[in-house]
Amino acid sequence: YLTKMKPALRKPDFEKDVKGKMNRRIEEKESAVRAIRKSYNSLIPRWKGVVWTAQAELEARKSKEEGSIPWANIKFAGCMHEGQKAKVGDVEYYQQFDAIGIPAVGEGMSLEELARHKYHIDLGGGGGTTWSGTLEKLG
């Protein structure tokens, strides 16, 4: 559905959107986040969430408040790779973003862990979560 409505939205290209736009005069993570933010408007929603998370992590790190945590934690846990379900941490495409300070690699959550959270955000983009799957996660 999303690809029909917004065909120009895409995943980021690491070389073009991050590495090629980094400013070597500032700290690597901040430079990487600034670089990917330049491509924000052309990214699919799930990657926009990763950009929010990267920004939130920078803000929390710079905060003078003790115990400050990022306000967002939107990352990838699983994906399709070479026709198989895979953990994102095992896929080089996601690893390169993570290694430079863009937090693309997250952890999966069990139904019990999901049940402990008041809010869930389902960002469209390719997984095709069914309504029954969404309701199961909320229960």
C-alpha atoms as a PDB file:
ATOM      1  CA  TYR A   1       0.000   0.000   0.000  1.00  0.00           C
ATOM      2  CA  LEU A   2       2.661   2.502   1.010  1.00  0.00           C
ATOM      3  CA  THR A   3       4.729   1.882  -2.111  1.00  0.00           C
ATOM      4  CA  LYS A   4       1.678   2.690  -4.258  1.00  0.00           C
ATOM      5  CA  MET A   5       0.870   5.918  -2.405  1.00  0.00           C
ATOM      6  CA  LYS A   6       4.451   7.126  -1.914  1.00  0.00           C
ATOM      7  CA  PRO A   7       6.650   5.332  -4.467  1.00  0.00           C
ATOM      8  CA  ALA A   8       9.597   7.675  -3.880  1.00  0.00           C
ATOM      9  CA  LEU A   9      10.049   6.560  -0.240  1.00  0.00           C
ATOM     10  CA  ARG A  10      13.019   4.244   0.212  1.00  0.00           C
ATOM     11  CA  LYS A  11      15.512   2.659   2.585  1.00  0.00           C
ATOM     12  CA  PRO A  12      18.688   4.682   3.071  1.00  0.00           C
ATOM     13  CA  ASP A  13      21.766   3.973   0.989  1.00  0.00           C
ATOM     14  CA  PHE A  14      24.639   3.828   3.486  1.00  0.00           C
ATOM     15  CA  GLU A  15      27.304   5.201   1.162  1.00  0.00           C
ATOM     16  CA  LYS A  16      25.163   7.926  -0.395  1.00  0.00           C
ATOM     17  CA  ASP A  17      23.014   9.010   2.557  1.00  0.00           C
ATOM     18  CA  VAL A  18      25.429   8.623   5.458  1.00  0.00           C
ATOM     19  CA  LYS A  19      29.084   7.951   4.778  1.00  0.00           C
ATOM     20  CA  GLY A  20      29.270  10.310   1.803  1.00  0.00           C
ATOM     21  CA  LYS A  21      27.663  13.187   3.733  1.00  0.00           C
ATOM     22  CA  MET A  22      29.523  12.946   7.037  1.00  0.00           C
ATOM     23  CA  ASN A  23      31.477  15.859   8.444  1.00  0.00           C
ATOM     24  CA  ARG A  24      34.800  14.495   9.715  1.00  0.00           C
ATOM     25  CA  ARG A  25      35.345  17.559  11.925  1.00  0.00           C
ATOM     26  CA  ILE A  26      32.652  16.529  14.435  1.00  0.00           C
ATOM     27  CA  GLU A  27      32.092  13.397  16.516  1.00  0.00           C
ATOM     28  CA  GLU A  28      31.213  10.359  14.372  1.00  0.00           C
ATOM     29  CA  LYS A  29      27.751   9.544  15.772  1.00  0.00           C
ATOM     30  CA  GLU A  30      26.577  13.142  15.612  1.00  0.00           C
ATOM     31  CA  SER A  31      27.949  13.474  12.088  1.00  0.00           C
ATOM     32  CA  ALA A  32      26.209  10.269  10.986  1.00  0.00           C
ATOM     33  CA  VAL A  33      22.883  11.385  12.481  1.00  0.00           C
ATOM     34  CA  ARG A  34      23.139  14.788  10.808  1.00  0.00           C
ATOM     35  CA  ALA A  35      23.931  13.076   7.502  1.00  0.00           C
ATOM     36  CA  ILE A  36      20.966  10.674   7.537  1.00  0.00           C
ATOM     37  CA  ARG A  37      18.617  13.458   8.638  1.00  0.00           C
ATOM     38  CA  LYS A  38      19.310  15.157   5.303  1.00  0.00           C
ATOM     39  CA  SER A  39      17.558  12.207   3.629  1.00  0.00           C
ATOM     40  CA  TYR A  40      14.703  12.043   6.172  1.00  0.00           C
ATOM     41  CA  ASN A  41      11.898  13.136   3.827  1.00  0.00           C
ATOM     42  CA  SER A  42      12.679  10.378   1.340  1.00  0.00           C
ATOM     43  CA  LEU A  43      12.859   7.528   3.893  1.00  0.00           C
ATOM     44  CA  ILE A  44      10.210   4.894   4.566  1.00  0.00           C
ATOM     45  CA  PRO A  45       8.459   5.245   7.965  1.00  0.00           C
ATOM     46  CA  ARG A  46      10.445   2.535   9.754  1.00  0.00           C
ATOM     47  CA  TRP A  47      13.696   4.252   8.835  1.00  0.00           C
ATOM     48  CA  LYS A  48      12.275   7.597   9.952  1.00  0.00           C
ATOM     49  CA  GLY A  49      11.796   5.908  13.322  1.00  0.00           C
ATOM     50  CA  VAL A  50      15.468   4.931  13.366  1.00  0.00           C
ATOM     51  CA  VAL A  51      16.370   8.573  12.674  1.00  0.00           C
ATOM     52  CA  TRP A  52      14.165   9.682  15.609  1.00  0.00           C
ATOM     53  CA  THR A  53      15.883   7.124  17.825  1.00  0.00           C
ATOM     54  CA  ALA A  54      19.339   8.293  16.773  1.00  0.00           C
ATOM     55  CA  GLN A  55      18.383  11.894  17.533  1.00  0.00           C
ATOM     56  CA  ALA A  56      16.828  10.898  20.874  1.00  0.00           C
ATOM     57  CA  GLU A  57      19.990   9.015  21.849  1.00  0.00           C
ATOM     58  CA  LEU A  58      22.121  12.069  21.066  1.00  0.00           C
ATOM     59  CA  GLU A  59      19.830  14.299  23.132  1.00  0.00           C
ATOM     60  CA  ALA A  60      19.895  11.871  26.083  1.00  0.00           C
ATOM     61  CA  ARG A  61      23.685  11.646  25.921  1.00  0.00           C
ATOM     62  CA  LYS A  62      24.032  15.434  25.924  1.00  0.00           C
ATOM     63  CA  SER A  63      21.472  15.888  28.708  1.00  0.00           C
ATOM     64  CA  LYS A  64      22.779  17.009  32.044  1.00  0.00           C
ATOM     65  CA  GLU A  65      19.996  15.097  33.834  1.00  0.00           C
ATOM     66  CA  GLU A  66      21.240  11.999  35.589  1.00  0.00           C
ATOM     67  CA  GLY A  67      19.660   8.822  34.237  1.00  0.00           C
ATOM     68  CA  SER A  68      18.319  10.545  31.128  1.00  0.00           C
ATOM     69  CA  ILE A  69      17.068   8.004  28.600  1.00  0.00           C
ATOM     70  CA  PRO A  70      16.156   8.472  24.925  1.00  0.00           C
ATOM     71  CA  TRP A  71      12.520   9.410  24.288  1.00  0.00           C
ATOM     72  CA  ALA A  72      12.341   6.993  21.329  1.00  0.00           C
ATOM     73  CA  ASN A  73      13.528   3.432  20.748  1.00  0.00           C
ATOM     74  CA  ILE A  74      12.444   2.482  17.235  1.00  0.00           C
ATOM     75  CA  LYS A  75      14.746  -0.083  15.670  1.00  0.00           C
ATOM     76  CA  PHE A  76      14.624  -3.174  13.493  1.00  0.00           C
ATOM     77  CA  ALA A  77      14.652  -6.621  15.098  1.00  0.00           C
ATOM     78  CA  GLY A  78      13.930  -8.963  12.205  1.00  0.00           C
ATOM     79  CA  CYS A  79      13.951  -8.794   8.441  1.00  0.00           C
ATOM     80  CA  MET A  80      13.852 -10.857   5.289  1.00  0.00           C
ATOM     81  CA  HIS A  81      17.332 -11.578   3.974  1.00  0.00           C
ATOM     82  CA  GLU A  82      18.003 -13.747   0.945  1.00  0.00           C
ATOM     83  CA  GLY A  83      14.454 -15.107   1.129  1.00  0.00           C
ATOM     84  CA  GLN A  84      14.689 -16.109   4.806  1.00  0.00           C
ATOM     85  CA  LYS A  85      13.660 -14.499   8.090  1.00  0.00           C
ATOM     86  CA  ALA A  86      16.782 -13.181   9.782  1.00  0.00           C
ATOM     87  CA  LYS A  87      17.852 -11.239  12.849  1.00  0.00           C
ATOM     88  CA  VAL A  88      18.805  -7.727  11.791  1.00  0.00           C
ATOM     89  CA  GLY A  89      22.048  -7.960  13.763  1.00  0.00           C
ATOM     90  CA  ASP A  90      23.178 -10.731  11.416  1.00  0.00           C
ATOM     91  CA  VAL A  91      22.675  -8.659   8.241  1.00  0.00           C
ATOM     92  CA  GLU A  92      25.553  -6.496   7.001  1.00  0.00           C
ATOM     93  CA  TYR A  93      23.260  -3.782   5.614  1.00  0.00           C
ATOM     94  CA  TYR A  94      21.971  -2.946   9.122  1.00  0.00           C
ATOM     95  CA  GLN A  95      25.317  -3.570  10.853  1.00  0.00           C
ATOM     96  CA  GLN A  96      27.031  -0.771   8.916  1.00  0.00           C
ATOM     97  CA  PHE A  97      24.521   1.805  10.190  1.00  0.00           C
ATOM     98  CA  ASP A  98      24.789   0.509  13.744  1.00  0.00           C
ATOM     99  CA  ALA A  99      28.605   0.549  13.669  1.00  0.00           C
ATOM    100  CA  ILE A 100      28.706   4.247  12.832  1.00  0.00           C
ATOM    101  CA  GLY A 101      26.183   5.296  15.484  1.00  0.00           C
ATOM    102  CA  ILE A 102      22.810   5.035  13.749  1.00  0.00           C
ATOM    103  CA  PRO A 103      20.901   2.569  15.945  1.00  0.00           C
ATOM    104  CA  ALA A 104      19.209   0.358  13.362  1.00  0.00           C
ATOM    105  CA  VAL A 105      19.731  -2.958  15.178  1.00  0.00           C
ATOM    106  CA  GLY A 106      17.267  -3.697  17.956  1.00  0.00           C
ATOM    107  CA  GLU A 107      16.100  -6.723  19.874  1.00  0.00           C
ATOM    108  CA  GLY A 108      12.894  -8.668  19.484  1.00  0.00           C
ATOM    109  CA  MET A 109      10.339  -8.740  22.291  1.00  0.00           C
ATOM    110  CA  SER A 110       8.286 -11.632  23.602  1.00  0.00           C
ATOM    111  CA  LEU A 111       4.529 -11.244  24.060  1.00  0.00           C
ATOM    112  CA  GLU A 112       5.144 -10.936  27.813  1.00  0.00           C
ATOM    113  CA  GLU A 113       7.595  -8.058  27.258  1.00  0.00           C
ATOM    114  CA  LEU A 114       5.200  -6.341  24.851  1.00  0.00           C
ATOM    115  CA  ALA A 115       2.399  -6.599  27.429  1.00  0.00           C
ATOM    116  CA  ARG A 116       4.418  -4.492  29.890  1.00  0.00           C
ATOM    117  CA  HIS A 117       4.288  -1.453  27.591  1.00  0.00           C
ATOM    118  CA  LYS A 118       1.369   0.936  27.462  1.00  0.00           C
ATOM    119  CA  TYR A 119       1.959   2.138  23.898  1.00  0.00           C
ATOM    120  CA  HIS A 120       2.839   0.245  20.734  1.00  0.00           C
ATOM    121  CA  ILE A 121       3.576   1.878  17.404  1.00  0.00           C
ATOM    122  CA  ASP A 122       3.207  -0.200  14.272  1.00  0.00           C
ATOM    123  CA  LEU A 123       5.058   1.576  11.501  1.00  0.00           C
ATOM    124  CA  GLY A 124       4.109   0.295   8.083  1.00  0.00           C
ATOM    125  CA  GLY A 125       6.748  -0.679   5.668  1.00  0.00           C
ATOM    126  CA  GLY A 126       6.876  -4.270   4.590  1.00  0.00           C
ATOM    127  CA  GLY A 127       6.153  -6.781   7.324  1.00  0.00           C
ATOM    128  CA  GLY A 128       2.426  -6.932   6.752  1.00  0.00           C
ATOM    129  CA  THR A 129       1.346  -7.411  10.375  1.00  0.00           C
ATOM    130  CA  THR A 130      -2.192  -8.811  10.406  1.00  0.00           C
ATOM    131  CA  TRP A 131      -4.901  -7.433  12.663  1.00  0.00           C
ATOM    132  CA  SER A 132      -4.894 -10.698  14.590  1.00  0.00           C
ATOM    133  CA  GLY A 133      -1.104 -10.359  15.038  1.00  0.00           C
ATOM    134  CA  THR A 134      -1.494  -6.785  16.273  1.00  0.00           C
ATOM    135  CA  LEU A 135      -4.241  -7.762  18.718  1.00  0.00           C
ATOM    136  CA  GLU A 136      -2.137 -10.666  20.006  1.00  0.00           C
ATOM    137  CA  LYS A 137       0.705  -8.248  20.805  1.00  0.00           C
ATOM    138  CA  LEU A 138      -1.664  -5.925  22.664  1.00  0.00           C
ATOM    139  CA  GLY A 139      -3.207  -8.710  24.762  1.00  0.00           C
END
